[in-house]
């Protein structure tokens, strides 16, 4: 295509016939397309500095771009776009311009890094107002006026003549880490939608002046952990944003949040529902009171991440496992006194389950081992027949006899990240590296067993858990940062999942580029935008002489190459598209 290094901004014309795109090449090339026909109408070199946004003027289909140190106006001339720099009769262009909007009558409004809103007419600054303390990250214009949102946490409403009408301070409403830095606004009649950097979405009734929380989520990165309360419809999550959060399933609202000292890798809720155990990336174990998330105690017996922890069926013990390959057992009744360590795994522990009598453990690791343990002696049970008749209080392991059918034929559990047996024991949900949630009957012993597949995540899915009464399934995103809540429908034959809600959203990895504007020091959030990594990857599929498929993924930025042997025969070759891998033929029904 025309853009070889990715696209950072797009915009449709007023009629919807044309589409403008801005590339990530060194010249930030601009192209206008007749998108329905796939035809390029015109193109040009954009600017040597980063371009943040592009928009059409609906009056004459001219194009406006903004970015670091420039506001530029473009007209289509044959097969070329001819640009003219905006004339700053007021204000300064020695800064970054962060937001852009154009009214139906052709009024152009631009928000700057220094908190100003510029109104343009015929390529010149017509009016200027200082609107925010810090960057203006979002603008929205409609027939009733102009709405702006900034880093200062304020949402301001203006007339089209840039006269202030009303403002709302979202810092009093936000519970996020950054206290409501506004990144997006949308104004329709009497309602304003507001999105913050902390993955919060608010709705403001202008007449009533009252903001309402619609959605909340983890601010950035992976959502590593999820666990459900043993007797209430609430659940806890933990993520790379250093937070533990408690949610209500019915209202789908955040109840309480606690910021910790490191990324959260695992969470568990005690049998009495009064405490939450949290495993951190640093190896520290933190115990919190459930209602307030107030810390009760801490232990640090490991130096590396704790990826899994599980309370015993009788509520007396807690088992933890992580990167070091050990499983530590603690006495809950004696203020989490260390009892012993199970030693035998050769890789990071990823799943732990207790027997119903709390006398045995089973566990998985990333090296493909599935081991059994005697809790009293902390010794490995080497003869599997000794645990053949053991009843397990939960099943979250991806290996083991009852779960051997969850992997496709000839592949093994490669790419499967998590599993969870339903509360009543007749179904098993799994998640994988290809963004798919699957539902199997349990036990599932036939290799390549039939299942139902569900898409809701854009990429790798992390943990999956059933609610205590088996009405809801929860999954977390390792790339998109989503928490997806599914309604579990038991039909008697093959159960179904139905998505209820998902919390937004994470960005792609991008190619590193830093820009300094004429020696001026820029706002930290604007610098983050400039330093965002824009990168792209490719996947190659090869079939060796034995008919095995190899998927090769290459990151263009680092040049590192990872080869994954899927173990699939040629006739079951995988389609690789848009970063999501799915089987060519999707089984239907149950």
Protein backbone atom coordinates (compact mmCIF):
# COMPACT_ATOMS: atom_id res chain seq x y z
CA UNK A 1 0.00 0.00 0.00
CA UNK A 2 0.86 3.69 0.00
CA UNK A 3 1.72 3.74 3.72
CA UNK A 4 4.65 1.45 4.47
CA UNK A 5 5.10 2.14 8.18
CA UNK A 6 1.58 2.25 9.60
CA UNK A 7 -1.15 4.89 9.88
CA UNK A 8 -1.56 7.27 12.83
CA UNK A 9 -4.73 9.19 11.91
CA UNK A 10 -7.72 8.91 9.56
CA UNK A 11 -10.79 11.03 8.81
CA UNK A 12 -13.85 10.82 6.55
CA UNK A 13 -15.13 13.71 4.48
CA UNK A 14 -18.51 15.26 5.23
CA UNK A 15 -20.20 13.26 2.47
CA UNK A 16 -18.45 10.06 3.52
CA UNK A 17 -17.08 9.48 0.01
CA UNK A 18 -13.46 10.39 0.79
CA UNK A 19 -11.05 9.13 3.42
CA UNK A 20 -7.83 10.86 4.45
CA UNK A 21 -4.96 8.96 6.08
CA UNK A 22 -1.67 10.05 7.64
CA UNK A 23 1.30 7.67 7.60
CA UNK A 24 4.06 6.96 10.10
CA UNK A 25 6.92 7.27 7.64
CA UNK A 26 9.59 9.92 8.21
CA UNK A 27 7.68 12.41 6.01
CA UNK A 28 4.29 11.56 7.57
CA UNK A 29 2.76 11.21 4.11
CA UNK A 30 -0.89 12.14 3.55
CA UNK A 31 -3.27 10.45 1.13
CA UNK A 32 -6.90 11.03 0.18
CA UNK A 33 -8.84 7.94 -0.97
CA UNK A 34 -12.11 7.16 -2.64
CA UNK A 35 -12.36 4.32 -0.19
CA UNK A 36 -15.32 2.39 -1.63
CA UNK A 37 -13.41 1.90 -4.87
CA UNK A 38 -9.99 1.59 -3.25
CA UNK A 39 -8.67 4.48 -5.36
CA UNK A 40 -6.08 7.01 -4.24
CA UNK A 41 -7.30 10.48 -5.21
CA UNK A 42 -4.30 12.58 -4.14
CA UNK A 43 -1.25 12.46 -1.88
CA UNK A 44 1.59 14.58 -0.55
CA UNK A 45 4.46 14.74 1.90
CA UNK A 46 2.93 15.75 5.22
CA UNK A 47 5.46 17.23 7.64
CA UNK A 48 8.84 16.37 9.11
CA UNK A 49 7.34 16.58 12.61
CA UNK A 50 4.70 14.26 14.05
CA UNK A 51 1.12 14.77 12.88
CA UNK A 52 -1.44 14.08 15.61
CA UNK A 53 -4.77 14.56 13.83
CA UNK A 54 -6.39 15.13 10.44
CA UNK A 55 -9.87 16.37 9.49
CA UNK A 56 -11.88 17.41 6.44
CA UNK A 57 -13.57 20.78 6.10
CA UNK A 58 -17.12 19.75 5.09
CA UNK A 59 -17.66 23.00 3.16
CA UNK A 60 -15.07 22.36 0.41
CA UNK A 61 -13.51 18.96 1.27
CA UNK A 62 -10.17 20.62 2.03
CA UNK A 63 -7.98 18.90 4.63
CA UNK A 64 -6.49 20.20 7.89
CA UNK A 65 -3.61 18.58 9.78
CA UNK A 66 -2.14 19.45 13.16
CA UNK A 67 0.91 18.26 15.04
CA UNK A 68 4.21 19.34 16.49
CA UNK A 69 4.82 22.99 15.65
CA UNK A 70 2.31 23.28 12.82
CA UNK A 71 -1.29 23.68 11.68
CA UNK A 72 -1.59 23.13 7.95
CA UNK A 73 -4.38 23.54 5.38
CA UNK A 74 -4.49 21.35 2.26
CA UNK A 75 -6.41 21.47 -1.02
CA UNK A 76 -6.74 18.75 -3.63
CA UNK A 77 -5.08 19.80 -6.91
CA UNK A 78 -5.28 17.03 -9.50
CA UNK A 79 -3.38 14.05 -8.10
CA UNK A 80 -1.59 16.19 -5.53
CA UNK A 81 -2.39 17.72 -2.16
CA UNK A 82 -1.06 21.26 -1.88
CA UNK A 83 -0.53 22.52 1.67
CA UNK A 84 -0.23 25.95 3.24
CA UNK A 85 0.95 26.60 6.79
CA UNK A 86 -1.53 28.40 9.02
CA UNK A 87 -0.83 32.05 9.79
CA UNK A 88 -0.47 32.64 13.54
CA UNK A 89 -1.70 36.21 13.88
CA UNK A 90 -2.15 35.42 17.59
CA UNK A 91 -0.51 32.91 19.92
CA UNK A 92 2.57 30.80 19.18
CA UNK A 93 3.21 27.86 16.89
CA UNK A 94 6.29 26.79 18.89
CA UNK A 95 4.34 24.05 20.64
CA UNK A 96 2.43 20.86 19.93
CA UNK A 97 -1.19 21.04 18.77
CA UNK A 98 -3.11 18.13 20.25
CA UNK A 99 -6.75 18.28 19.13
CA UNK A 100 -8.78 19.35 16.10
CA UNK A 101 -12.44 19.69 15.18
CA UNK A 102 -14.34 21.35 12.30
CA UNK A 103 -17.97 22.48 12.37
CA UNK A 104 -20.44 21.84 9.54
CA UNK A 105 -20.09 25.48 8.49
CA UNK A 106 -16.32 25.15 8.19
CA UNK A 107 -15.22 26.70 11.49
CA UNK A 108 -11.86 25.17 12.49
CA UNK A 109 -10.92 24.81 16.18
CA UNK A 110 -7.49 23.61 17.38
CA UNK A 111 -6.38 22.77 20.94
CA UNK A 112 -2.76 23.37 21.97
CA UNK A 113 -0.26 21.95 24.41
CA UNK A 114 -0.29 25.19 26.41
CA UNK A 115 -4.04 25.01 27.07
CA UNK A 116 -5.24 27.39 24.33
CA UNK A 117 -8.08 26.95 21.84
CA UNK A 118 -7.51 28.58 18.45
CA UNK A 119 -10.35 29.43 16.05
CA UNK A 120 -9.29 29.69 12.40
CA UNK A 121 -10.76 31.49 9.40
CA UNK A 122 -9.27 31.45 5.89
CA UNK A 123 -6.02 29.93 7.18
CA UNK A 124 -5.48 32.56 9.89
CA UNK A 125 -6.09 32.64 13.64
CA UNK A 126 -9.41 34.41 14.07
CA UNK A 127 -9.77 34.10 17.84
CA UNK A 128 -7.86 32.67 20.79
CA UNK A 129 -8.77 31.77 24.38
CA UNK A 130 -6.81 30.18 27.21
CA UNK A 131 -9.06 27.27 28.14
CA UNK A 132 -7.13 24.77 30.28
CA UNK A 133 -4.12 24.46 32.56
CA UNK A 134 -2.15 22.11 30.36
CA UNK A 135 -2.79 20.39 27.02
CA UNK A 136 -6.23 20.42 25.39
CA UNK A 137 -6.49 16.75 24.44
CA UNK A 138 -10.00 16.72 22.97
CA UNK A 139 -12.42 19.04 21.15
CA UNK A 140 -15.98 18.47 19.91
CA UNK A 141 -18.07 20.98 17.97
CA UNK A 142 -21.79 20.90 17.27
CA UNK A 143 -24.48 23.45 16.44
CA UNK A 144 -24.88 24.31 20.14
CA UNK A 145 -21.24 25.20 20.70
CA UNK A 146 -17.80 23.76 21.46
CA UNK A 147 -16.76 21.29 24.16
CA UNK A 148 -13.15 20.82 25.31
CA UNK A 149 -11.35 18.40 27.64
CA UNK A 150 -7.87 18.78 29.05
CA UNK A 151 -5.13 17.30 31.16
CA UNK A 152 -6.34 19.47 34.07
CA UNK A 153 -9.41 17.21 34.41
CA UNK A 154 -11.90 19.87 33.35
CA UNK A 155 -14.62 19.66 30.71
CA UNK A 156 -15.52 23.13 29.41
CA UNK A 157 -18.44 24.22 27.23
CA UNK A 158 -18.02 27.27 24.97
CA UNK A 159 -20.08 29.21 22.48
CA UNK A 160 -18.84 29.15 18.88
CA UNK A 161 -17.44 32.63 19.58
CA UNK A 162 -15.30 31.03 22.34
CA UNK A 163 -17.28 32.55 25.21
CA UNK A 164 -17.33 30.31 28.33
CA UNK A 165 -20.72 28.80 29.17
CA UNK A 166 -20.17 26.12 31.83
CA UNK A 167 -17.42 23.80 33.06
CA UNK A 168 -17.21 20.54 35.01
CA UNK A 169 -14.29 19.41 37.18
CA UNK A 170 -14.02 15.65 36.69
CA UNK A 171 -11.26 15.31 39.29
CA UNK A 172 -13.94 15.17 41.97
CA UNK A 173 -15.59 12.22 40.22
CA UNK A 174 -12.62 10.10 39.12
CA UNK A 175 -11.08 7.32 41.18
CA UNK A 176 -8.27 6.76 38.66
CA UNK A 177 -4.55 6.99 39.27
CA UNK A 178 -4.23 10.23 37.29
CA UNK A 179 -7.39 11.86 38.62
CA UNK A 180 -9.28 12.31 35.37
CA UNK A 181 -6.96 13.56 32.70
CA UNK A 182 -9.51 13.99 29.90
CA UNK A 183 -8.64 12.28 26.61
CA UNK A 184 -11.96 12.35 24.77
CA UNK A 185 -15.25 14.30 24.77
CA UNK A 186 -18.45 13.95 22.73
CA UNK A 187 -21.39 16.38 23.00
CA UNK A 188 -24.90 15.55 21.83
CA UNK A 189 -27.83 17.86 22.77
CA UNK A 190 -27.82 17.88 26.60
CA UNK A 191 -25.37 15.02 27.17
CA UNK A 192 -21.56 14.98 27.13
CA UNK A 193 -19.60 11.73 27.12
CA UNK A 194 -16.15 11.99 28.72
CA UNK A 195 -13.29 9.48 28.47
CA UNK A 196 -10.26 9.68 30.78
CA UNK A 197 -6.72 8.35 30.64
CA UNK A 198 -7.67 5.93 33.43
CA UNK A 199 -10.15 3.99 31.27
CA UNK A 200 -13.15 5.73 32.80
CA UNK A 201 -16.22 6.76 30.82
CA UNK A 202 -18.57 9.40 32.27
CA UNK A 203 -21.87 10.84 31.09
CA UNK A 204 -22.63 14.47 32.00
CA UNK A 205 -26.16 15.86 31.97
CA UNK A 206 -25.51 19.51 31.14
CA UNK A 207 -28.77 20.79 32.60
CA UNK A 208 -28.53 18.80 35.81
CA UNK A 209 -24.76 19.23 36.00
CA UNK A 210 -24.27 15.72 37.36
CA UNK A 211 -21.65 13.29 35.96
CA UNK A 212 -22.51 9.58 35.98
CA UNK A 213 -19.97 6.76 35.71
CA UNK A 214 -20.73 4.45 32.79
CA UNK A 215 -17.59 2.31 32.62
CA UNK A 216 -14.30 1.89 34.44
CA UNK A 217 -11.29 -0.32 33.85
CA UNK A 218 -7.61 -0.86 34.51
CA UNK A 219 -5.57 2.06 33.27
CA UNK A 220 -2.98 0.26 31.13
CA UNK A 221 -1.28 -3.03 30.37
CA UNK A 222 -2.33 -6.56 31.17
CA UNK A 223 -5.18 -7.55 33.43
CA UNK A 224 -3.35 -10.53 34.92
CA UNK A 225 -5.76 -11.80 37.52
CA UNK A 226 -9.44 -12.32 38.27
CA UNK A 227 -11.22 -14.22 41.04
CA UNK A 228 -14.83 -14.46 42.18
CA UNK A 229 -16.29 -14.20 45.67
CA UNK A 230 -17.35 -17.62 47.04
CA UNK A 231 -20.90 -16.51 47.92
CA UNK A 232 -21.57 -13.04 46.45
CA UNK A 233 -21.77 -11.63 42.93
CA UNK A 234 -18.61 -9.59 43.25
CA UNK A 235 -15.13 -10.25 41.89
CA UNK A 236 -11.58 -8.95 42.19
CA UNK A 237 -9.06 -8.16 39.45
CA UNK A 238 -5.40 -7.18 39.40
CA UNK A 239 -3.24 -5.75 36.66
CA UNK A 240 -0.02 -4.24 35.41
CA UNK A 241 -1.24 -0.79 36.52
CA UNK A 242 -0.37 -1.79 40.14
CA UNK A 243 -4.03 -1.85 41.20
CA UNK A 244 -6.39 -4.35 42.81
CA UNK A 245 -10.03 -3.62 42.05
CA UNK A 246 -13.29 -5.00 43.45
CA UNK A 247 -16.31 -5.06 41.11
CA UNK A 248 -20.05 -5.73 41.30
CA UNK A 249 -21.26 -8.15 38.60
CA UNK A 250 -24.86 -6.91 38.53
CA UNK A 251 -24.23 -3.17 38.31
CA UNK A 252 -20.91 -3.79 36.47
CA UNK A 253 -19.40 -0.98 38.53
CA UNK A 254 -16.18 -0.55 40.47
CA UNK A 255 -16.70 -0.84 44.23
CA UNK A 256 -13.25 -0.05 45.58
CA UNK A 257 -9.65 0.14 44.34
CA UNK A 258 -6.23 -0.09 45.99
CA UNK A 259 -2.89 0.89 44.42
CA UNK A 260 0.03 -1.34 45.46
CA UNK A 261 3.80 -1.06 45.02
CA UNK A 262 4.16 -3.34 41.99
CA UNK A 263 2.21 -5.03 39.21
CA UNK A 264 -0.44 -7.48 40.42
CA UNK A 265 -0.05 -11.00 39.02
CA UNK A 266 -2.65 -13.00 40.98
CA UNK A 267 -5.60 -12.56 43.34
CA UNK A 268 -7.56 -14.96 45.53
CA UNK A 269 -10.56 -14.52 47.83
CA UNK A 270 -10.74 -16.43 51.12
CA UNK A 271 -13.46 -19.01 51.77
CA UNK A 272 -15.23 -16.71 54.27
CA UNK A 273 -15.10 -13.85 51.74
CA UNK A 274 -13.40 -11.51 54.19
CA UNK A 275 -9.87 -11.33 52.77
CA UNK A 276 -8.12 -11.00 49.41
CA UNK A 277 -4.66 -12.47 48.86
CA UNK A 278 -2.60 -10.66 46.22
CA UNK A 279 0.58 -11.90 44.52
CA UNK A 280 2.90 -9.19 43.20
CA UNK A 281 5.51 -9.13 40.45
CA UNK A 282 8.18 -8.66 43.12
CA UNK A 283 7.30 -11.95 44.84
CA UNK A 284 5.52 -10.26 47.75
CA UNK A 285 2.28 -11.69 49.13
CA UNK A 286 -0.17 -9.03 50.35
CA UNK A 287 -3.35 -9.76 52.34
CA UNK A 288 -6.14 -7.16 52.09
CA UNK A 289 -9.48 -6.75 53.86
CA UNK A 290 -12.11 -7.35 51.19
CA UNK A 291 -14.56 -4.52 51.89
CA UNK A 292 -12.00 -1.71 52.04
CA UNK A 293 -8.92 -3.33 50.44
CA UNK A 294 -7.00 -2.11 53.47
CA UNK A 295 -3.68 -4.02 53.88
CA UNK A 296 -3.70 -6.49 56.79
CA UNK A 297 -0.25 -8.06 56.40
CA UNK A 298 2.58 -8.75 53.94
CA UNK A 299 5.07 -11.58 53.37
CA UNK A 300 8.02 -11.78 51.01
CA UNK A 301 9.33 -15.32 50.71
CA UNK A 302 10.07 -15.10 46.96
CA UNK A 303 12.00 -12.70 44.75
CA UNK A 304 10.03 -13.26 41.53
CA UNK A 305 6.41 -12.94 40.46
CA UNK A 306 3.62 -14.96 42.10
CA UNK A 307 1.40 -16.01 39.19
CA UNK A 308 -1.08 -18.19 41.04
CA UNK A 309 -2.54 -18.51 44.53
CA UNK A 310 -5.45 -20.54 45.81
CA UNK A 311 -7.21 -20.92 49.17
CA UNK A 312 -7.93 -24.50 50.25
CA UNK A 313 -11.43 -25.97 50.21
CA UNK A 314 -11.66 -25.81 54.02
CA UNK A 315 -10.35 -22.25 54.07
CA UNK A 316 -7.42 -23.08 56.42
CA UNK A 317 -4.55 -22.90 53.94
CA UNK A 318 -3.24 -20.77 51.08
CA UNK A 319 -0.98 -22.07 48.30
CA UNK A 320 1.10 -19.73 46.13
CA UNK A 321 3.24 -20.40 43.07
CA UNK A 322 5.21 -18.33 40.58
CA UNK A 323 8.29 -17.81 38.47
CA UNK A 324 10.66 -19.64 40.81
CA UNK A 325 8.77 -22.92 40.37
CA UNK A 326 8.02 -23.44 44.07
CA UNK A 327 4.62 -23.82 45.74
CA UNK A 328 4.52 -22.30 49.22
CA UNK A 329 1.78 -23.29 51.66
CA UNK A 330 0.62 -20.96 54.45
CA UNK A 331 -1.59 -21.47 57.51
CA UNK A 332 -4.39 -18.91 57.19
CA UNK A 333 -5.57 -19.45 60.75
CA UNK A 334 -2.11 -18.63 62.16
CA UNK A 335 -1.73 -15.26 60.39
CA UNK A 336 -0.40 -16.89 57.22
CA UNK A 337 2.50 -18.67 58.88
CA UNK A 338 4.64 -20.55 56.36
CA UNK A 339 4.13 -24.33 56.60
CA UNK A 340 6.27 -25.74 53.82
CA UNK A 341 7.31 -25.67 50.17
CA UNK A 342 6.53 -28.10 47.36
CA UNK A 343 9.63 -28.46 45.18
CA UNK A 344 9.64 -30.19 41.79
CA UNK A 345 8.49 -27.88 39.02
CA UNK A 346 11.09 -26.94 36.40
CA UNK A 347 9.27 -23.82 35.23
CA UNK A 348 6.96 -21.07 36.51
CA UNK A 349 3.84 -22.38 38.24
CA UNK A 350 0.70 -21.28 36.36
CA UNK A 351 -2.20 -23.13 38.03
CA UNK A 352 -2.98 -24.69 41.41
CA UNK A 353 -6.01 -26.69 42.60
CA UNK A 354 -6.90 -28.15 46.01
CA UNK A 355 -8.67 -31.43 46.66
CA UNK A 356 -12.06 -31.24 48.35
CA UNK A 357 -10.58 -32.53 51.61
CA UNK A 358 -7.64 -30.08 51.36
CA UNK A 359 -5.10 -32.94 51.63
CA UNK A 360 -3.73 -32.87 48.06
CA UNK A 361 -2.71 -30.29 45.46
CA UNK A 362 -2.33 -30.44 41.70
CA UNK A 363 -0.39 -27.86 39.67
CA UNK A 364 0.77 -26.90 36.17
CA UNK A 365 3.90 -25.14 34.99
CA UNK A 366 4.94 -23.47 31.73
CA UNK A 367 7.26 -26.35 30.86
CA UNK A 368 4.28 -28.65 30.44
CA UNK A 369 4.42 -30.53 33.75
CA UNK A 370 1.31 -31.50 35.69
CA UNK A 371 2.22 -32.60 39.23
CA UNK A 372 0.42 -33.82 42.36
CA UNK A 373 1.38 -33.05 45.96
CA UNK A 374 0.68 -34.31 49.47
CA UNK A 375 -0.03 -31.21 51.55
CA UNK A 376 1.01 -32.61 54.95
CA UNK A 377 4.48 -33.71 53.79
CA UNK A 378 4.77 -31.20 50.87
CA UNK A 379 6.19 -34.12 48.84
CA UNK A 380 5.34 -34.89 45.22
CA UNK A 381 2.97 -37.80 44.63
CA UNK A 382 4.82 -39.78 41.97
CA UNK A 383 2.17 -42.42 41.29
CA UNK A 384 -0.82 -40.86 39.54
CA UNK A 385 -3.01 -43.82 40.50
CA UNK A 386 -2.88 -42.59 44.10
CA UNK A 387 -4.94 -39.53 43.17
CA UNK A 388 -7.16 -41.22 40.60
CA UNK A 389 -10.22 -41.06 42.84
CA UNK A 390 -9.48 -37.69 44.42
CA UNK A 391 -12.31 -35.17 44.18
CA UNK A 392 -10.98 -31.72 43.28
CA UNK A 393 -12.61 -28.62 44.78
CA UNK A 394 -11.78 -26.66 41.62
CA UNK A 395 -10.20 -27.34 38.25
CA UNK A 396 -8.11 -24.53 36.75
CA UNK A 397 -5.27 -26.65 35.37
CA UNK A 398 -5.00 -26.92 31.59
CA UNK A 399 -3.48 -30.41 31.91
CA UNK A 400 -4.66 -33.58 33.57
CA UNK A 401 -6.88 -36.49 32.57
CA UNK A 402 -10.30 -34.68 32.70
CA UNK A 403 -8.95 -31.78 30.61
CA UNK A 404 -6.89 -33.60 27.98
CA UNK A 405 -9.45 -32.89 25.26
CA UNK A 406 -9.23 -29.08 25.40
CA UNK A 407 -6.17 -29.00 23.13
CA UNK A 408 -6.52 -29.45 19.35
CA UNK A 409 -5.36 -32.80 17.99
CA UNK A 410 -1.57 -33.22 17.75
CA UNK A 411 -0.97 -29.83 19.36
CA UNK A 412 -0.99 -30.23 23.11
CA UNK A 413 -1.81 -27.36 25.47
CA UNK A 414 0.48 -24.89 23.65
CA UNK A 415 -1.19 -21.46 23.52
CA UNK A 416 -3.90 -22.29 26.10
CA UNK A 417 -3.56 -19.81 28.96
CA UNK A 418 -6.24 -20.66 31.49
CA UNK A 419 -9.09 -23.02 32.29
CA UNK A 420 -11.91 -23.11 34.81
CA UNK A 421 -14.49 -25.78 35.62
CA UNK A 422 -18.01 -24.53 36.22
CA UNK A 423 -19.32 -24.41 39.76
CA UNK A 424 -21.56 -27.45 39.22
CA UNK A 425 -18.80 -29.34 37.41
CA UNK A 426 -20.38 -30.03 34.01
CA UNK A 427 -18.54 -27.47 31.81
CA UNK A 428 -15.01 -26.17 31.34
CA UNK A 429 -14.11 -22.74 29.93
CA UNK A 430 -10.66 -22.03 28.44
CA UNK A 431 -8.78 -19.03 27.05
CA UNK A 432 -5.91 -18.89 24.59
CA UNK A 433 -3.32 -16.79 22.78
CA UNK A 434 -5.60 -16.18 19.79
CA UNK A 435 -8.28 -14.15 21.56
CA UNK A 436 -10.77 -17.03 21.79
CA UNK A 437 -12.84 -18.21 24.75
CA UNK A 438 -13.95 -21.84 24.44
CA UNK A 439 -16.59 -23.83 26.29
CA UNK A 440 -16.28 -27.64 26.65
CA UNK A 441 -18.21 -30.33 28.43
CA UNK A 442 -16.45 -31.61 31.57
CA UNK A 443 -14.78 -34.01 31.86
CA UNK A 444 -13.26 -33.49 28.42
CA UNK A 445 -11.09 -36.49 27.54
CA UNK A 446 -11.24 -36.84 23.74
CA UNK A 447 -8.35 -35.02 21.99
CA UNK A 448 -9.67 -32.17 19.87
CA UNK A 449 -13.07 -32.34 21.56
CA UNK A 450 -15.96 -30.36 20.17
CA UNK A 451 -16.55 -27.00 21.82
CA UNK A 452 -18.19 -23.61 21.39
CA UNK A 453 -15.97 -20.65 20.50
CA UNK A 454 -16.51 -17.01 21.43
CA UNK A 455 -14.73 -13.85 20.37
CA UNK A 456 -14.62 -10.78 22.58
CA UNK A 457 -10.94 -10.01 23.04
CA UNK A 458 -8.70 -8.60 20.33
CA UNK A 459 -5.68 -10.74 21.24
CA UNK A 460 -4.34 -12.96 24.04
CA UNK A 461 -6.86 -13.83 26.76
CA UNK A 462 -5.60 -14.38 30.31
CA UNK A 463 -7.61 -15.80 33.19
CA UNK A 464 -11.13 -17.22 33.07
CA UNK A 465 -13.38 -17.80 36.09
CA UNK A 466 -17.00 -18.86 36.82
CA UNK A 467 -19.09 -17.05 39.41
CA UNK A 468 -20.13 -19.09 42.45
CA UNK A 469 -23.72 -19.65 41.26
CA UNK A 470 -22.67 -20.40 37.66
CA UNK A 471 -24.51 -17.50 36.02
CA UNK A 472 -21.49 -15.50 34.89
CA UNK A 473 -18.07 -16.13 33.33
CA UNK A 474 -15.28 -13.54 33.55
CA UNK A 475 -12.24 -13.25 31.27
CA UNK A 476 -9.31 -10.82 31.22
CA UNK A 477 -7.18 -9.46 28.39
CA UNK A 478 -3.39 -9.72 28.34
CA UNK A 479 -3.08 -7.27 25.43
CA UNK A 480 -6.33 -5.29 25.14
CA UNK A 481 -6.73 -4.79 28.92
CA UNK A 482 -10.39 -5.85 28.78
CA UNK A 483 -12.50 -7.37 31.51
CA UNK A 484 -15.30 -9.21 29.68
CA UNK A 485 -18.33 -10.41 31.60
CA UNK A 486 -20.24 -13.25 29.93
CA UNK A 487 -23.71 -14.51 30.75
CA UNK A 488 -23.57 -18.28 31.17
CA UNK A 489 -26.60 -20.06 29.69
CA UNK A 490 -27.06 -23.70 30.59
CA UNK A 491 -29.30 -25.26 27.93
CA UNK A 492 -29.16 -28.87 29.08
CA UNK A 493 -27.31 -30.01 25.95
CA UNK A 494 -24.38 -27.68 25.40
CA UNK A 495 -24.11 -24.52 27.44
CA UNK A 496 -23.66 -21.07 25.90
CA UNK A 497 -21.84 -17.85 26.70
CA UNK A 498 -23.19 -14.41 25.91
CA UNK A 499 -21.16 -11.22 26.29
CA UNK A 500 -22.62 -8.72 28.77
CA UNK A 501 -20.08 -5.92 28.85
CA UNK A 502 -16.42 -5.14 28.27
CA UNK A 503 -14.16 -2.44 29.65
CA UNK A 504 -11.85 -0.60 27.31
CA UNK A 505 -8.96 -0.69 25.88
CA UNK A 506 -5.35 -0.83 25.26
CA UNK A 507 -3.12 0.57 22.43
CA UNK A 508 -0.74 -1.23 20.06
CA UNK A 509 3.02 -1.20 20.41
CA UNK A 510 4.44 1.58 18.25
CA UNK A 511 7.80 2.68 16.54
CA UNK A 512 9.93 4.89 18.76
CA UNK A 513 10.31 8.50 17.68
CA UNK A 514 11.06 11.55 19.87
CA UNK A 515 10.74 15.19 18.71
CA UNK A 516 11.77 18.40 20.47
CA UNK A 517 10.10 21.65 19.46
CA UNK A 518 12.67 24.45 19.09
CA UNK A 519 14.20 23.86 22.50
CA UNK A 520 10.86 24.26 24.32
CA UNK A 521 10.15 21.80 27.11
CA UNK A 522 6.92 19.95 26.37
CA UNK A 523 4.18 18.72 28.63
CA UNK A 524 4.94 15.23 29.93
CA UNK A 525 1.80 13.69 28.42
CA UNK A 526 2.61 15.24 25.03
CA UNK A 527 6.14 13.82 25.28
CA UNK A 528 4.61 10.41 25.95
CA UNK A 529 2.59 10.75 22.74
CA UNK A 530 5.75 11.65 20.81
CA UNK A 531 7.71 8.75 22.28
CA UNK A 532 4.99 6.21 21.63
CA UNK A 533 6.42 3.16 19.87
CA UNK A 534 4.90 2.45 16.46
CA UNK A 535 5.95 -1.00 15.36
CA UNK A 536 4.60 -3.73 13.18
CA UNK A 537 5.03 -7.45 13.03
CA UNK A 538 4.76 -10.15 10.42
CA UNK A 539 3.84 -13.80 10.70
CA UNK A 540 5.04 -16.53 8.38
CA UNK A 541 3.60 -20.03 8.17
CA UNK A 542 5.84 -22.88 7.01
CA UNK A 543 5.15 -26.60 6.71
CA UNK A 544 8.09 -28.96 7.31
CA UNK A 545 8.64 -32.36 5.76
CA UNK A 546 6.68 -34.11 8.49
CA UNK A 547 3.64 -31.96 7.84
CA UNK A 548 4.07 -29.89 11.02
CA UNK A 549 3.16 -26.21 10.86
CA UNK A 550 5.54 -23.53 12.13
CA UNK A 551 4.30 -20.00 12.77
CA UNK A 552 7.13 -17.44 12.74
CA UNK A 553 6.42 -14.05 14.30
CA UNK A 554 8.86 -11.20 13.72
CA UNK A 555 8.82 -7.79 15.36
CA UNK A 556 10.10 -5.26 12.84
CA UNK A 557 11.44 -2.92 15.52
CA UNK A 558 13.66 -5.33 17.43
CA UNK A 559 14.38 -7.85 14.72
CA UNK A 560 13.81 -10.67 17.21
CA UNK A 561 12.23 -13.80 15.84
CA UNK A 562 10.14 -16.31 17.73
CA UNK A 563 9.27 -19.70 16.24
CA UNK A 564 6.31 -21.62 17.61
CA UNK A 565 5.76 -25.22 16.56
CA UNK A 566 2.01 -25.60 16.66
CA UNK A 567 2.16 -29.35 16.16
CA UNK A 568 -0.67 -29.24 13.62
CA UNK A 569 -0.73 -31.39 10.48
CA UNK A 570 -0.90 -29.54 7.18
CA UNK A 571 -4.60 -30.14 6.66
CA UNK A 572 -5.29 -28.26 9.91
CA UNK A 573 -3.17 -25.27 8.98
CA UNK A 574 -3.96 -22.05 10.84
CA UNK A 575 -5.03 -18.79 9.30
CA UNK A 576 -2.95 -15.84 10.53
CA UNK A 577 -4.77 -12.55 10.15
CA UNK A 578 -4.74 -9.27 12.07
CA UNK A 579 -2.83 -10.82 14.94
CA UNK A 580 -5.58 -13.37 15.68
CA UNK A 581 -5.18 -17.05 14.82
CA UNK A 582 -8.28 -19.16 14.41
CA UNK A 583 -8.93 -22.64 13.04
CA UNK A 584 -9.89 -22.70 9.36
CA UNK A 585 -13.08 -24.61 10.02
CA UNK A 586 -14.94 -23.60 13.19
CA UNK A 587 -17.03 -26.37 14.66
CA UNK A 588 -20.62 -25.51 15.34
CA UNK A 589 -23.02 -26.71 17.93
CA UNK A 590 -22.30 -28.94 20.82
